């Protein structure tokens, strides 16, 4: 329940520039749990099959925080521990298009959360 509330808040706060269409705004597929910067993150993919949302796992030092990886770059927002979010940013920013495609595929195997 907390995870869904955090995801909804993160999506509502995303920059308008990141949303060029309604498909990229639908970021409910997943999550896949991954570790970036030594903290756990829940990764969701969006309807455009390109955009990814990384939500800090409940209880992690980075929480609450999210990153959005979209075609216009990597954006983040939240009040989690700066050291933890900076370390995660460093790892997430290294994700190339091939890695992102693999993450999208992994979220598709989990399915969509309504």
PDB file of N, CA and C in Angstrom:
ATOM      1  N   UNK A   1       0.820  -1.182   0.000  1.00  0.00           N
ATOM      2  CA  UNK A   1       0.000   0.000   0.000  1.00  0.00           C
ATOM      3  C   UNK A   1       0.872   1.258   0.000  1.00  0.00           C
ATOM      4  N   UNK A   2       1.898   1.280   0.883  1.00  0.00           N
ATOM      5  CA  UNK A   2       2.811   2.413   0.939  1.00  0.00           C
ATOM      6  C   UNK A   2       3.554   2.562  -0.379  1.00  0.00           C
ATOM      7  N   UNK A   3       3.963   1.434  -0.964  1.00  0.00           N
ATOM      8  CA  UNK A   3       4.680   1.454  -2.234  1.00  0.00           C
ATOM      9  C   UNK A   3       3.812   2.077  -3.321  1.00  0.00           C
ATOM     10  N   UNK A   4       2.534   1.718  -3.369  1.00  0.00           N
ATOM     11  CA  UNK A   4       1.628   2.261  -4.377  1.00  0.00           C
ATOM     12  C   UNK A   4       1.409   3.748  -4.166  1.00  0.00           C
ATOM     13  N   UNK A   5       1.305   4.171  -2.912  1.00  0.00           N
ATOM     14  CA  UNK A   5       1.133   5.593  -2.622  1.00  0.00           C
ATOM     15  C   UNK A   5       2.370   6.377  -3.039  1.00  0.00           C
ATOM     16  N   UNK A   6       3.556   5.833  -2.758  1.00  0.00           N
ATOM     17  CA  UNK A   6       4.792   6.501  -3.137  1.00  0.00           C
ATOM     18  C   UNK A   6       4.912   6.589  -4.655  1.00  0.00           C
ATOM     19  N   UNK A   7       4.575   5.495  -5.350  1.00  0.00           N
ATOM     20  CA  UNK A   7       4.632   5.513  -6.804  1.00  0.00           C
ATOM     21  C   UNK A   7       3.650   6.532  -7.372  1.00  0.00           C
ATOM     22  N   UNK A   8       2.443   6.563  -6.849  1.00  0.00           N
ATOM     23  CA  UNK A   8       1.442   7.527  -7.330  1.00  0.00           C
ATOM     24  C   UNK A   8       1.917   8.953  -7.108  1.00  0.00           C
ATOM     25  N   UNK A   9       2.506   9.219  -5.943  1.00  0.00           N
ATOM     26  CA  UNK A   9       3.023  10.556  -5.661  1.00  0.00           C
ATOM     27  C   UNK A   9       4.181  10.899  -6.582  1.00  0.00           C
ATOM     28  N   UNK A  10       5.036   9.923  -6.839  1.00  0.00           N
ATOM     29  CA  UNK A  10       6.176  10.152  -7.728  1.00  0.00           C
ATOM     30  C   UNK A  10       5.712  10.470  -9.138  1.00  0.00           C
ATOM     31  N   UNK A  11       4.755   9.724  -9.628  1.00  0.00           N
ATOM     32  CA  UNK A  11       4.260   9.945 -10.982  1.00  0.00           C
ATOM     33  C   UNK A  11       3.562  11.291 -11.083  1.00  0.00           C
ATOM     34  N   UNK A  12       2.820  11.656 -10.054  1.00  0.00           N
ATOM     35  CA  UNK A  12       2.125  12.948 -10.072  1.00  0.00           C
ATOM     36  C   UNK A  12       3.105  14.114 -10.083  1.00  0.00           C
ATOM     37  N   UNK A  13       4.277  13.916  -9.477  1.00  0.00           N
ATOM     38  CA  UNK A  13       5.249  14.992  -9.375  1.00  0.00           C
ATOM     39  C   UNK A  13       6.231  15.052 -10.540  1.00  0.00           C
ATOM     40  N   UNK A  14       6.151  14.112 -11.466  1.00  0.00           N
ATOM     41  CA  UNK A  14       7.109  14.069 -12.562  1.00  0.00           C
ATOM     42  C   UNK A  14       7.016  15.320 -13.429  1.00  0.00           C
ATOM     43  N   UNK A  15       8.158  15.755 -13.943  1.00  0.00           N
ATOM     44  CA  UNK A  15       8.159  16.943 -14.786  1.00  0.00           C
ATOM     45  C   UNK A  15       7.328  16.737 -16.050  1.00  0.00           C
ATOM     46  N   UNK A  16       6.578  17.756 -16.420  1.00  0.00           N
ATOM     47  CA  UNK A  16       5.726  17.676 -17.602  1.00  0.00           C
ATOM     48  C   UNK A  16       6.530  17.379 -18.857  1.00  0.00           C
ATOM     49  N   UNK A  17       7.741  17.877 -18.958  1.00  0.00           N
ATOM     50  CA  UNK A  17       8.559  17.652 -20.149  1.00  0.00           C
ATOM     51  C   UNK A  17       8.823  16.180 -20.392  1.00  0.00           C
ATOM     52  N   UNK A  18       8.800  15.390 -19.344  1.00  0.00           N
ATOM     53  CA  UNK A  18       9.066  13.959 -19.488  1.00  0.00           C
ATOM     54  C   UNK A  18       7.881  13.229 -20.104  1.00  0.00           C
ATOM     55  N   UNK A  19       6.732  13.877 -20.145  1.00  0.00           N
ATOM     56  CA  UNK A  19       5.519  13.232 -20.629  1.00  0.00           C
ATOM     57  C   UNK A  19       5.094  13.826 -21.967  1.00  0.00           C
ATOM     58  N   UNK A  20       5.553  13.212 -23.018  1.00  0.00           N
ATOM     59  CA  UNK A  20       5.160  13.726 -24.319  1.00  0.00           C
ATOM     60  C   UNK A  20       3.859  13.089 -24.783  1.00  0.00           C
ATOM     61  N   UNK A  21       3.449  11.995 -24.157  1.00  0.00           N
ATOM     62  CA  UNK A  21       2.181  11.360 -24.501  1.00  0.00           C
ATOM     63  C   UNK A  21       1.650  10.575 -23.313  1.00  0.00           C
ATOM     64  N   UNK A  22       0.435  10.098 -23.418  1.00  0.00           N
ATOM     65  CA  UNK A  22      -0.188   9.398 -22.294  1.00  0.00           C
ATOM     66  C   UNK A  22       0.449   8.042 -22.034  1.00  0.00           C
ATOM     67  N   UNK A  23       1.062   7.415 -23.037  1.00  0.00           N
ATOM     68  CA  UNK A  23       1.688   6.109 -22.821  1.00  0.00           C
ATOM     69  C   UNK A  23       2.870   6.207 -21.879  1.00  0.00           C
ATOM     70  N   UNK A  24       3.670   7.248 -21.997  1.00  0.00           N
ATOM     71  CA  UNK A  24       4.829   7.356 -21.123  1.00  0.00           C
ATOM     72  C   UNK A  24       4.414   7.671 -19.689  1.00  0.00           C
ATOM     73  N   UNK A  25       3.187   8.164 -19.492  1.00  0.00           N
ATOM     74  CA  UNK A  25       2.705   8.484 -18.152  1.00  0.00           C
ATOM     75  C   UNK A  25       2.184   7.253 -17.417  1.00  0.00           C
ATOM     76  N   UNK A  26       1.942   6.167 -18.122  1.00  0.00           N
ATOM     77  CA  UNK A  26       1.429   4.942 -17.509  1.00  0.00           C
ATOM     78  C   UNK A  26       2.609   4.083 -17.070  1.00  0.00           C
ATOM     79  N   UNK A  27       3.010   4.242 -15.815  1.00  0.00           N
ATOM     80  CA  UNK A  27       4.218   3.575 -15.307  1.00  0.00           C
ATOM     81  C   UNK A  27       3.870   2.582 -14.213  1.00  0.00           C
ATOM     82  N   UNK A  28       3.064   1.607 -14.542  1.00  0.00           N
ATOM     83  CA  UNK A  28       2.574   0.656 -13.548  1.00  0.00           C
ATOM     84  C   UNK A  28       3.075  -0.768 -13.771  1.00  0.00           C
ATOM     85  N   UNK A  29       3.927  -0.993 -14.762  1.00  0.00           N
ATOM     86  CA  UNK A  29       4.370  -2.353 -15.051  1.00  0.00           C
ATOM     87  C   UNK A  29       5.578  -2.695 -14.195  1.00  0.00           C
ATOM     88  N   UNK A  30       5.454  -3.763 -13.424  1.00  0.00           N
ATOM     89  CA  UNK A  30       6.500  -4.177 -12.512  1.00  0.00           C
ATOM     90  C   UNK A  30       5.919  -4.292 -11.113  1.00  0.00           C
ATOM     91  N   UNK A  31       6.724  -4.194 -10.118  1.00  0.00           N
ATOM     92  CA  UNK A  31       8.126  -3.801 -10.132  1.00  0.00           C
ATOM     93  C   UNK A  31       9.074  -4.991 -10.151  1.00  0.00           C
ATOM     94  N   UNK A  32      10.306  -4.672 -10.520  1.00  0.00           N
ATOM     95  CA  UNK A  32      11.439  -5.579 -10.398  1.00  0.00           C
ATOM     96  C   UNK A  32      12.331  -4.957  -9.333  1.00  0.00           C
ATOM     97  N   UNK A  33      12.765  -5.746  -8.376  1.00  0.00           N
ATOM     98  CA  UNK A  33      13.635  -5.216  -7.330  1.00  0.00           C
ATOM     99  C   UNK A  33      15.088  -5.293  -7.781  1.00  0.00           C
ATOM    100  N   UNK A  34      15.776  -4.166  -7.707  1.00  0.00           N
ATOM    101  CA  UNK A  34      17.189  -4.072  -8.084  1.00  0.00           C
ATOM    102  C   UNK A  34      17.939  -3.282  -7.021  1.00  0.00           C
ATOM    103  N   UNK A  35      19.247  -3.400  -7.026  1.00  0.00           N
ATOM    104  CA  UNK A  35      20.087  -2.647  -6.108  1.00  0.00           C
ATOM    105  C   UNK A  35      20.951  -1.671  -6.898  1.00  0.00           C
ATOM    106  N   UNK A  36      20.878  -0.413  -6.514  1.00  0.00           N
ATOM    107  CA  UNK A  36      21.708   0.642  -7.104  1.00  0.00           C
ATOM    108  C   UNK A  36      22.260   1.470  -5.959  1.00  0.00           C
ATOM    109  N   UNK A  37      23.556   1.728  -5.987  1.00  0.00           N
ATOM    110  CA  UNK A  37      24.162   2.512  -4.922  1.00  0.00           C
ATOM    111  C   UNK A  37      24.024   1.852  -3.567  1.00  0.00           C
ATOM    112  N   UNK A  38      24.029   0.530  -3.551  1.00  0.00           N
ATOM    113  CA  UNK A  38      23.936  -0.274  -2.324  1.00  0.00           C
ATOM    114  C   UNK A  38      22.588  -0.146  -1.617  1.00  0.00           C
ATOM    115  N   UNK A  39      21.564   0.361  -2.316  1.00  0.00           N
ATOM    116  CA  UNK A  39      20.216   0.396  -1.759  1.00  0.00           C
ATOM    117  C   UNK A  39      19.243  -0.268  -2.731  1.00  0.00           C
ATOM    118  N   UNK A  40      18.163  -0.767  -2.195  1.00  0.00           N
ATOM    119  CA  UNK A  40      17.166  -1.460  -3.015  1.00  0.00           C
ATOM    120  C   UNK A  40      16.205  -0.453  -3.649  1.00  0.00           C
ATOM    121  N   UNK A  41      15.854  -0.754  -4.923  1.00  0.00           N
ATOM    122  CA  UNK A  41      14.945   0.081  -5.695  1.00  0.00           C
ATOM    123  C   UNK A  41      13.919  -0.814  -6.376  1.00  0.00           C
ATOM    124  N   UNK A  42      12.710  -0.299  -6.523  1.00  0.00           N
ATOM    125  CA  UNK A  42      11.647  -0.976  -7.254  1.00  0.00           C
ATOM    126  C   UNK A  42      11.551  -0.303  -8.608  1.00  0.00           C
ATOM    127  N   UNK A  43      11.738  -1.088  -9.663  1.00  0.00           N
ATOM    128  CA  UNK A  43      11.792  -0.542 -11.018  1.00  0.00           C
ATOM    129  C   UNK A  43      10.498  -0.866 -11.740  1.00  0.00           C
ATOM    130  N   UNK A  44       9.868   0.171 -12.279  1.00  0.00           N
ATOM    131  CA  UNK A  44       8.648   0.051 -13.062  1.00  0.00           C
ATOM    132  C   UNK A  44       8.935   0.545 -14.471  1.00  0.00           C
ATOM    133  N   UNK A  45       8.265  -0.040 -15.458  1.00  0.00           N
ATOM    134  CA  UNK A  45       8.367   0.486 -16.813  1.00  0.00           C
ATOM    135  C   UNK A  45       7.063   1.174 -17.172  1.00  0.00           C
ATOM    136  N   UNK A  46       7.153   1.998 -18.184  1.00  0.00           N
ATOM    137  CA  UNK A  46       6.009   2.795 -18.601  1.00  0.00           C
ATOM    138  C   UNK A  46       5.458   2.291 -19.935  1.00  0.00           C
ATOM    139  N   UNK A  47       4.305   2.777 -20.296  1.00  0.00           N
ATOM    140  CA  UNK A  47       3.601   2.314 -21.482  1.00  0.00           C
ATOM    141  C   UNK A  47       4.328   2.530 -22.794  1.00  0.00           C
ATOM    142  N   UNK A  48       5.310   3.420 -22.813  1.00  0.00           N
ATOM    143  CA  UNK A  48       6.048   3.668 -24.052  1.00  0.00           C
ATOM    144  C   UNK A  48       7.177   2.671 -24.262  1.00  0.00           C
ATOM    145  N   UNK A  49       7.388   1.757 -23.306  1.00  0.00           N
ATOM    146  CA  UNK A  49       8.441   0.725 -23.355  1.00  0.00           C
ATOM    147  C   UNK A  49       9.847   1.333 -23.410  1.00  0.00           C
ATOM    148  N   UNK A  50       9.987   2.585 -22.994  1.00  0.00           N
ATOM    149  CA  UNK A  50      11.287   3.264 -22.954  1.00  0.00           C
ATOM    150  C   UNK A  50      11.568   3.884 -21.594  1.00  0.00           C
ATOM    151  N   UNK A  51      10.536   4.434 -20.992  1.00  0.00           N
ATOM    152  CA  UNK A  51      10.677   5.169 -19.744  1.00  0.00           C
ATOM    153  C   UNK A  51      10.653   4.210 -18.563  1.00  0.00           C
ATOM    154  N   UNK A  52      11.546   4.453 -17.602  1.00  0.00           N
ATOM    155  CA  UNK A  52      11.622   3.639 -16.385  1.00  0.00           C
ATOM    156  C   UNK A  52      11.512   4.540 -15.166  1.00  0.00           C
ATOM    157  N   UNK A  53      10.839   4.035 -14.137  1.00  0.00           N
ATOM    158  CA  UNK A  53      10.744   4.733 -12.859  1.00  0.00           C
ATOM    159  C   UNK A  53      11.385   3.840 -11.803  1.00  0.00           C
ATOM    160  N   UNK A  54      12.311   4.412 -11.055  1.00  0.00           N
ATOM    161  CA  UNK A  54      13.018   3.725  -9.977  1.00  0.00           C
ATOM    162  C   UNK A  54      12.522   4.335  -8.667  1.00  0.00           C
ATOM    163  N   UNK A  55      11.809   3.557  -7.871  1.00  0.00           N
ATOM    164  CA  UNK A  55      11.259   4.031  -6.604  1.00  0.00           C
ATOM    165  C   UNK A  55      12.051   3.370  -5.475  1.00  0.00           C
ATOM    166  N   UNK A  56      12.525   4.179  -4.550  1.00  0.00           N
ATOM    167  CA  UNK A  56      13.283   3.612  -3.430  1.00  0.00           C
ATOM    168  C   UNK A  56      12.395   2.637  -2.665  1.00  0.00           C
ATOM    169  N   UNK A  57      12.988   1.513  -2.309  1.00  0.00           N
ATOM    170  CA  UNK A  57      12.239   0.494  -1.583  1.00  0.00           C
ATOM    171  C   UNK A  57      11.900   1.014  -0.186  1.00  0.00           C
ATOM    172  N   UNK A  58      10.729   0.651   0.311  1.00  0.00           N
ATOM    173  CA  UNK A  58      10.358   1.072   1.659  1.00  0.00           C
ATOM    174  C   UNK A  58      11.423   0.649   2.678  1.00  0.00           C
ATOM    175  N   UNK A  59      11.761   1.571   3.555  1.00  0.00           N
ATOM    176  CA  UNK A  59      12.738   1.283   4.597  1.00  0.00           C
ATOM    177  C   UNK A  59      14.186   1.498   4.196  1.00  0.00           C
ATOM    178  N   UNK A  60      14.450   1.782   2.915  1.00  0.00           N
ATOM    179  CA  UNK A  60      15.838   1.992   2.506  1.00  0.00           C
ATOM    180  C   UNK A  60      16.281   3.403   2.884  1.00  0.00           C
ATOM    181  N   UNK A  61      17.586   3.597   2.982  1.00  0.00           N
ATOM    182  CA  UNK A  61      18.125   4.913   3.316  1.00  0.00           C
ATOM    183  C   UNK A  61      17.754   5.960   2.275  1.00  0.00           C
ATOM    184  N   UNK A  62      17.502   5.531   1.046  1.00  0.00           N
ATOM    185  CA  UNK A  62      17.172   6.453  -0.032  1.00  0.00           C
ATOM    186  C   UNK A  62      15.709   6.894  -0.004  1.00  0.00           C
ATOM    187  N   UNK A  63      14.894   6.243   0.785  1.00  0.00           N
ATOM    188  CA  UNK A  63      13.459   6.500   0.796  1.00  0.00           C
ATOM    189  C   UNK A  63      13.110   7.733   1.628  1.00  0.00           C
ATOM    190  N   UNK A  64      12.173   8.538   1.156  1.00  0.00           N
ATOM    191  CA  UNK A  64      11.445   8.420  -0.094  1.00  0.00           C
ATOM    192  C   UNK A  64      12.164   9.158  -1.229  1.00  0.00           C
ATOM    193  N   UNK A  65      12.280   8.500  -2.349  1.00  0.00           N
ATOM    194  CA  UNK A  65      12.937   9.082  -3.518  1.00  0.00           C
ATOM    195  C   UNK A  65      12.540   8.285  -4.750  1.00  0.00           C
ATOM    196  N   UNK A  66      12.557   8.930  -5.901  1.00  0.00           N
ATOM    197  CA  UNK A  66      12.353   8.233  -7.174  1.00  0.00           C
ATOM    198  C   UNK A  66      13.241   8.862  -8.233  1.00  0.00           C
ATOM    199  N   UNK A  67      13.575   8.066  -9.210  1.00  0.00           N
ATOM    200  CA  UNK A  67      14.251   8.538 -10.416  1.00  0.00           C
ATOM    201  C   UNK A  67      13.374   8.200 -11.599  1.00  0.00           C
ATOM    202  N   UNK A  68      13.404   9.052 -12.595  1.00  0.00           N
ATOM    203  CA  UNK A  68      12.724   8.812 -13.856  1.00  0.00           C
ATOM    204  C   UNK A  68      13.789   8.813 -14.938  1.00  0.00           C
ATOM    205  N   UNK A  69      13.907   7.701 -15.661  1.00  0.00           N
ATOM    206  CA  UNK A  69      14.825   7.618 -16.797  1.00  0.00           C
ATOM    207  C   UNK A  69      13.972   7.678 -18.048  1.00  0.00           C
ATOM    208  N   UNK A  70      14.009   8.813 -18.724  1.00  0.00           N
ATOM    209  CA  UNK A  70      13.211   9.047 -19.927  1.00  0.00           C
ATOM    210  C   UNK A  70      14.134   9.461 -21.062  1.00  0.00           C
ATOM    211  N   UNK A  71      13.558   9.625 -22.224  1.00  0.00           N
ATOM    212  CA  UNK A  71      14.391   9.968 -23.381  1.00  0.00           C
ATOM    213  C   UNK A  71      15.091  11.311 -23.227  1.00  0.00           C
ATOM    214  N   UNK A  72      14.593  12.172 -22.337  1.00  0.00           N
ATOM    215  CA  UNK A  72      15.260  13.452 -22.129  1.00  0.00           C
ATOM    216  C   UNK A  72      16.242  13.435 -20.969  1.00  0.00           C
ATOM    217  N   UNK A  73      16.529  12.249 -20.417  1.00  0.00           N
ATOM    218  CA  UNK A  73      17.547  12.149 -19.377  1.00  0.00           C
ATOM    219  C   UNK A  73      17.049  11.494 -18.101  1.00  0.00           C
ATOM    220  N   UNK A  74      17.857  11.615 -17.061  1.00  0.00           N
ATOM    221  CA  UNK A  74      17.568  11.026 -15.759  1.00  0.00           C
ATOM    222  C   UNK A  74      17.225  12.141 -14.783  1.00  0.00           C
ATOM    223  N   UNK A  75      16.055  12.027 -14.158  1.00  0.00           N
ATOM    224  CA  UNK A  75      15.582  13.027 -13.212  1.00  0.00           C
ATOM    225  C   UNK A  75      15.280  12.329 -11.894  1.00  0.00           C
ATOM    226  N   UNK A  76      15.471  13.030 -10.801  1.00  0.00           N
ATOM    227  CA  UNK A  76      15.161  12.450  -9.501  1.00  0.00           C
ATOM    228  C   UNK A  76      14.562  13.470  -8.569  1.00  0.00           C
ATOM    229  N   UNK A  77      13.800  12.958  -7.592  1.00  0.00           N
ATOM    230  CA  UNK A  77      13.187  13.843  -6.628  1.00  0.00           C
ATOM    231  C   UNK A  77      12.833  13.064  -5.369  1.00  0.00           C
ATOM    232  N   UNK A  78      12.964  13.711  -4.233  1.00  0.00           N
ATOM    233  CA  UNK A  78      12.584  13.108  -2.973  1.00  0.00           C
ATOM    234  C   UNK A  78      13.409  13.671  -1.838  1.00  0.00           C
ATOM    235  N   UNK A  79      13.199  13.099  -0.663  1.00  0.00           N
ATOM    236  CA  UNK A  79      13.877  13.593   0.528  1.00  0.00           C
ATOM    237  C   UNK A  79      14.711  12.508   1.213  1.00  0.00           C
ATOM    238  N   UNK A  80      15.021  11.454   0.476  1.00  0.00           N
ATOM    239  CA  UNK A  80      15.856  10.387   1.037  1.00  0.00           C
ATOM    240  C   UNK A  80      17.274  10.866   1.307  1.00  0.00           C
ATOM    241  N   UNK A  81      18.037  10.058   2.003  1.00  0.00           N
ATOM    242  CA  UNK A  81      19.414  10.367   2.342  1.00  0.00           C
ATOM    243  C   UNK A  81      20.224  10.699   1.085  1.00  0.00           C
ATOM    244  N   UNK A  82      20.831  11.881   1.069  1.00  0.00           N
ATOM    245  CA  UNK A  82      21.542  12.353  -0.122  1.00  0.00           C
ATOM    246  C   UNK A  82      22.695  11.428  -0.518  1.00  0.00           C
ATOM    247  N   UNK A  83      23.407  10.898   0.451  1.00  0.00           N
ATOM    248  CA  UNK A  83      24.515   9.990   0.137  1.00  0.00           C
ATOM    249  C   UNK A  83      23.989   8.748  -0.589  1.00  0.00           C
ATOM    250  N   UNK A  84      22.873   8.212  -0.125  1.00  0.00           N
ATOM    251  CA  UNK A  84      22.278   7.026  -0.743  1.00  0.00           C
ATOM    252  C   UNK A  84      21.730   7.335  -2.135  1.00  0.00           C
ATOM    253  N   UNK A  85      21.071   8.484  -2.282  1.00  0.00           N
ATOM    254  CA  UNK A  85      20.500   8.814  -3.593  1.00  0.00           C
ATOM    255  C   UNK A  85      21.575   9.196  -4.601  1.00  0.00           C
ATOM    256  N   UNK A  86      22.643   9.849  -4.127  1.00  0.00           N
ATOM    257  CA  UNK A  86      23.758  10.171  -5.029  1.00  0.00           C
ATOM    258  C   UNK A  86      24.433   8.901  -5.538  1.00  0.00           C
ATOM    259  N   UNK A  87      24.612   7.917  -4.646  1.00  0.00           N
ATOM    260  CA  UNK A  87      25.224   6.650  -5.063  1.00  0.00           C
ATOM    261  C   UNK A  87      24.334   5.918  -6.056  1.00  0.00           C
ATOM    262  N   UNK A  88      23.032   5.940  -5.818  1.00  0.00           N
ATOM    263  CA  UNK A  88      22.094   5.301  -6.754  1.00  0.00           C
ATOM    264  C   UNK A  88      22.096   6.043  -8.089  1.00  0.00           C
ATOM    265  N   UNK A  89      22.124   7.377  -8.045  1.00  0.00           N
ATOM    266  CA  UNK A  89      22.173   8.162  -9.280  1.00  0.00           C
ATOM    267  C   UNK A  89      23.393   7.777 -10.110  1.00  0.00           C
ATOM    268  N   UNK A  90      24.531   7.627  -9.457  1.00  0.00           N
ATOM    269  CA  UNK A  90      25.756   7.252 -10.170  1.00  0.00           C
ATOM    270  C   UNK A  90      25.576   5.915 -10.884  1.00  0.00           C
ATOM    271  N   UNK A  91      24.955   4.948 -10.224  1.00  0.00           N
ATOM    272  CA  UNK A  91      24.734   3.627 -10.843  1.00  0.00           C
ATOM    273  C   UNK A  91      23.668   3.685 -11.938  1.00  0.00           C
ATOM    274  N   UNK A  92      22.555   4.328 -11.647  1.00  0.00           N
ATOM    275  CA  UNK A  92      21.444   4.373 -12.610  1.00  0.00           C
ATOM    276  C   UNK A  92      21.840   5.151 -13.861  1.00  0.00           C
ATOM    277  N   UNK A  93      22.663   6.182 -13.695  1.00  0.00           N
ATOM    278  CA  UNK A  93      23.073   6.979 -14.858  1.00  0.00           C
ATOM    279  C   UNK A  93      23.955   6.189 -15.826  1.00  0.00           C
ATOM    280  N   UNK A  94      24.494   5.062 -15.375  1.00  0.00           N
ATOM    281  CA  UNK A  94      25.320   4.209 -16.237  1.00  0.00           C
ATOM    282  C   UNK A  94      24.484   3.228 -17.065  1.00  0.00           C
ATOM    283  N   UNK A  95      23.190   3.169 -16.816  1.00  0.00           N
ATOM    284  CA  UNK A  95      22.326   2.251 -17.561  1.00  0.00           C
ATOM    285  C   UNK A  95      22.245   2.713 -19.011  1.00  0.00           C
ATOM    286  N   UNK A  96      22.659   1.834 -19.925  1.00  0.00           N
ATOM    287  CA  UNK A  96      22.584   2.180 -21.347  1.00  0.00           C
ATOM    288  C   UNK A  96      21.254   1.693 -21.925  1.00  0.00           C
ATOM    289  N   UNK A  97      21.024   1.952 -23.188  1.00  0.00           N
ATOM    290  CA  UNK A  97      19.750   1.583 -23.805  1.00  0.00           C
ATOM    291  C   UNK A  97      19.511   0.080 -23.796  1.00  0.00           C
ATOM    292  N   UNK A  98      20.560  -0.704 -23.965  1.00  0.00           N
ATOM    293  CA  UNK A  98      20.434  -2.161 -23.936  1.00  0.00           C
ATOM    294  C   UNK A  98      20.016  -2.638 -22.538  1.00  0.00           C
ATOM    295  N   UNK A  99      20.645  -2.068 -21.508  1.00  0.00           N
ATOM    296  CA  UNK A  99      20.282  -2.398 -20.127  1.00  0.00           C
ATOM    297  C   UNK A  99      18.835  -1.985 -19.836  1.00  0.00           C
ATOM    298  N   UNK A 100      18.448  -0.811 -20.325  1.00  0.00           N
ATOM    299  CA  UNK A 100      17.084  -0.321 -20.106  1.00  0.00           C
ATOM    300  C   UNK A 100      16.062  -1.250 -20.762  1.00  0.00           C
ATOM    301  N   UNK A 101      16.372  -1.720 -21.961  1.00  0.00           N
ATOM    302  CA  UNK A 101      15.473  -2.653 -22.649  1.00  0.00           C
ATOM    303  C   UNK A 101      15.329  -3.935 -21.841  1.00  0.00           C
ATOM    304  N   UNK A 102      16.422  -4.417 -21.271  1.00  0.00           N
ATOM    305  CA  UNK A 102      16.366  -5.621 -20.441  1.00  0.00           C
ATOM    306  C   UNK A 102      15.523  -5.378 -19.188  1.00  0.00           C
ATOM    307  N   UNK A 103      15.628  -4.199 -18.598  1.00  0.00           N
ATOM    308  CA  UNK A 103      14.802  -3.875 -17.433  1.00  0.00           C
ATOM    309  C   UNK A 103      13.323  -3.819 -17.797  1.00  0.00           C
ATOM    310  N   UNK A 104      13.017  -3.216 -18.941  1.00  0.00           N
ATOM    311  CA  UNK A 104      11.619  -3.176 -19.401  1.00  0.00           C
ATOM    312  C   UNK A 104      11.098  -4.596 -19.557  1.00  0.00           C
ATOM    313  N   UNK A 105      11.885  -5.457 -20.183  1.00  0.00           N
ATOM    314  CA  UNK A 105      11.461  -6.851 -20.373  1.00  0.00           C
ATOM    315  C   UNK A 105      11.242  -7.546 -19.035  1.00  0.00           C
ATOM    316  N   UNK A 106      12.108  -7.283 -18.073  1.00  0.00           N
ATOM    317  CA  UNK A 106      11.956  -7.888 -16.743  1.00  0.00           C
ATOM    318  C   UNK A 106      10.666  -7.421 -16.076  1.00  0.00           C
ATOM    319  N   UNK A 107      10.329  -6.133 -16.216  1.00  0.00           N
ATOM    320  CA  UNK A 107       9.083  -5.649 -15.625  1.00  0.00           C
ATOM    321  C   UNK A 107       7.866  -6.257 -16.302  1.00  0.00           C
ATOM    322  N   UNK A 108       7.975  -6.527 -17.590  1.00  0.00           N
ATOM    323  CA  UNK A 108       6.860  -7.124 -18.323  1.00  0.00           C
ATOM    324  C   UNK A 108       6.573  -8.538 -17.831  1.00  0.00           C
ATOM    325  N   UNK A 109       7.596  -9.240 -17.364  1.00  0.00           N
ATOM    326  CA  UNK A 109       7.367 -10.588 -16.852  1.00  0.00           C
ATOM    327  C   UNK A 109       6.613 -10.561 -15.517  1.00  0.00           C
ATOM    328  N   UNK A 110       6.758  -9.456 -14.782  1.00  0.00           N
ATOM    329  CA  UNK A 110       6.040  -9.293 -13.522  1.00  0.00           C
ATOM    330  C   UNK A 110       4.594  -8.899 -13.790  1.00  0.00           C
ATOM    331  N   UNK A 111       4.405  -8.025 -14.767  1.00  0.00           N
ATOM    332  CA  UNK A 111       3.049  -7.591 -15.114  1.00  0.00           C
ATOM    333  C   UNK A 111       2.745  -6.189 -14.613  1.00  0.00           C
ATOM    334  N   UNK A 112       1.494  -5.849 -14.729  1.00  0.00           N
ATOM    335  CA  UNK A 112       1.046  -4.493 -14.407  1.00  0.00           C
ATOM    336  C   UNK A 112       0.325  -4.464 -13.069  1.00  0.00           C
ATOM    337  N   UNK A 113       0.600  -3.423 -12.301  1.00  0.00           N
ATOM    338  CA  UNK A 113      -0.072  -3.187 -11.017  1.00  0.00           C
ATOM    339  C   UNK A 113      -1.114  -2.097 -11.221  1.00  0.00           C
ATOM    340  N   UNK A 114      -2.348  -2.397 -10.928  1.00  0.00           N
ATOM    341  CA  UNK A 114      -3.403  -1.377 -11.092  1.00  0.00           C
ATOM    342  C   UNK A 114      -3.732  -0.697  -9.791  1.00  0.00           C
TER     343      UNK A 114
END
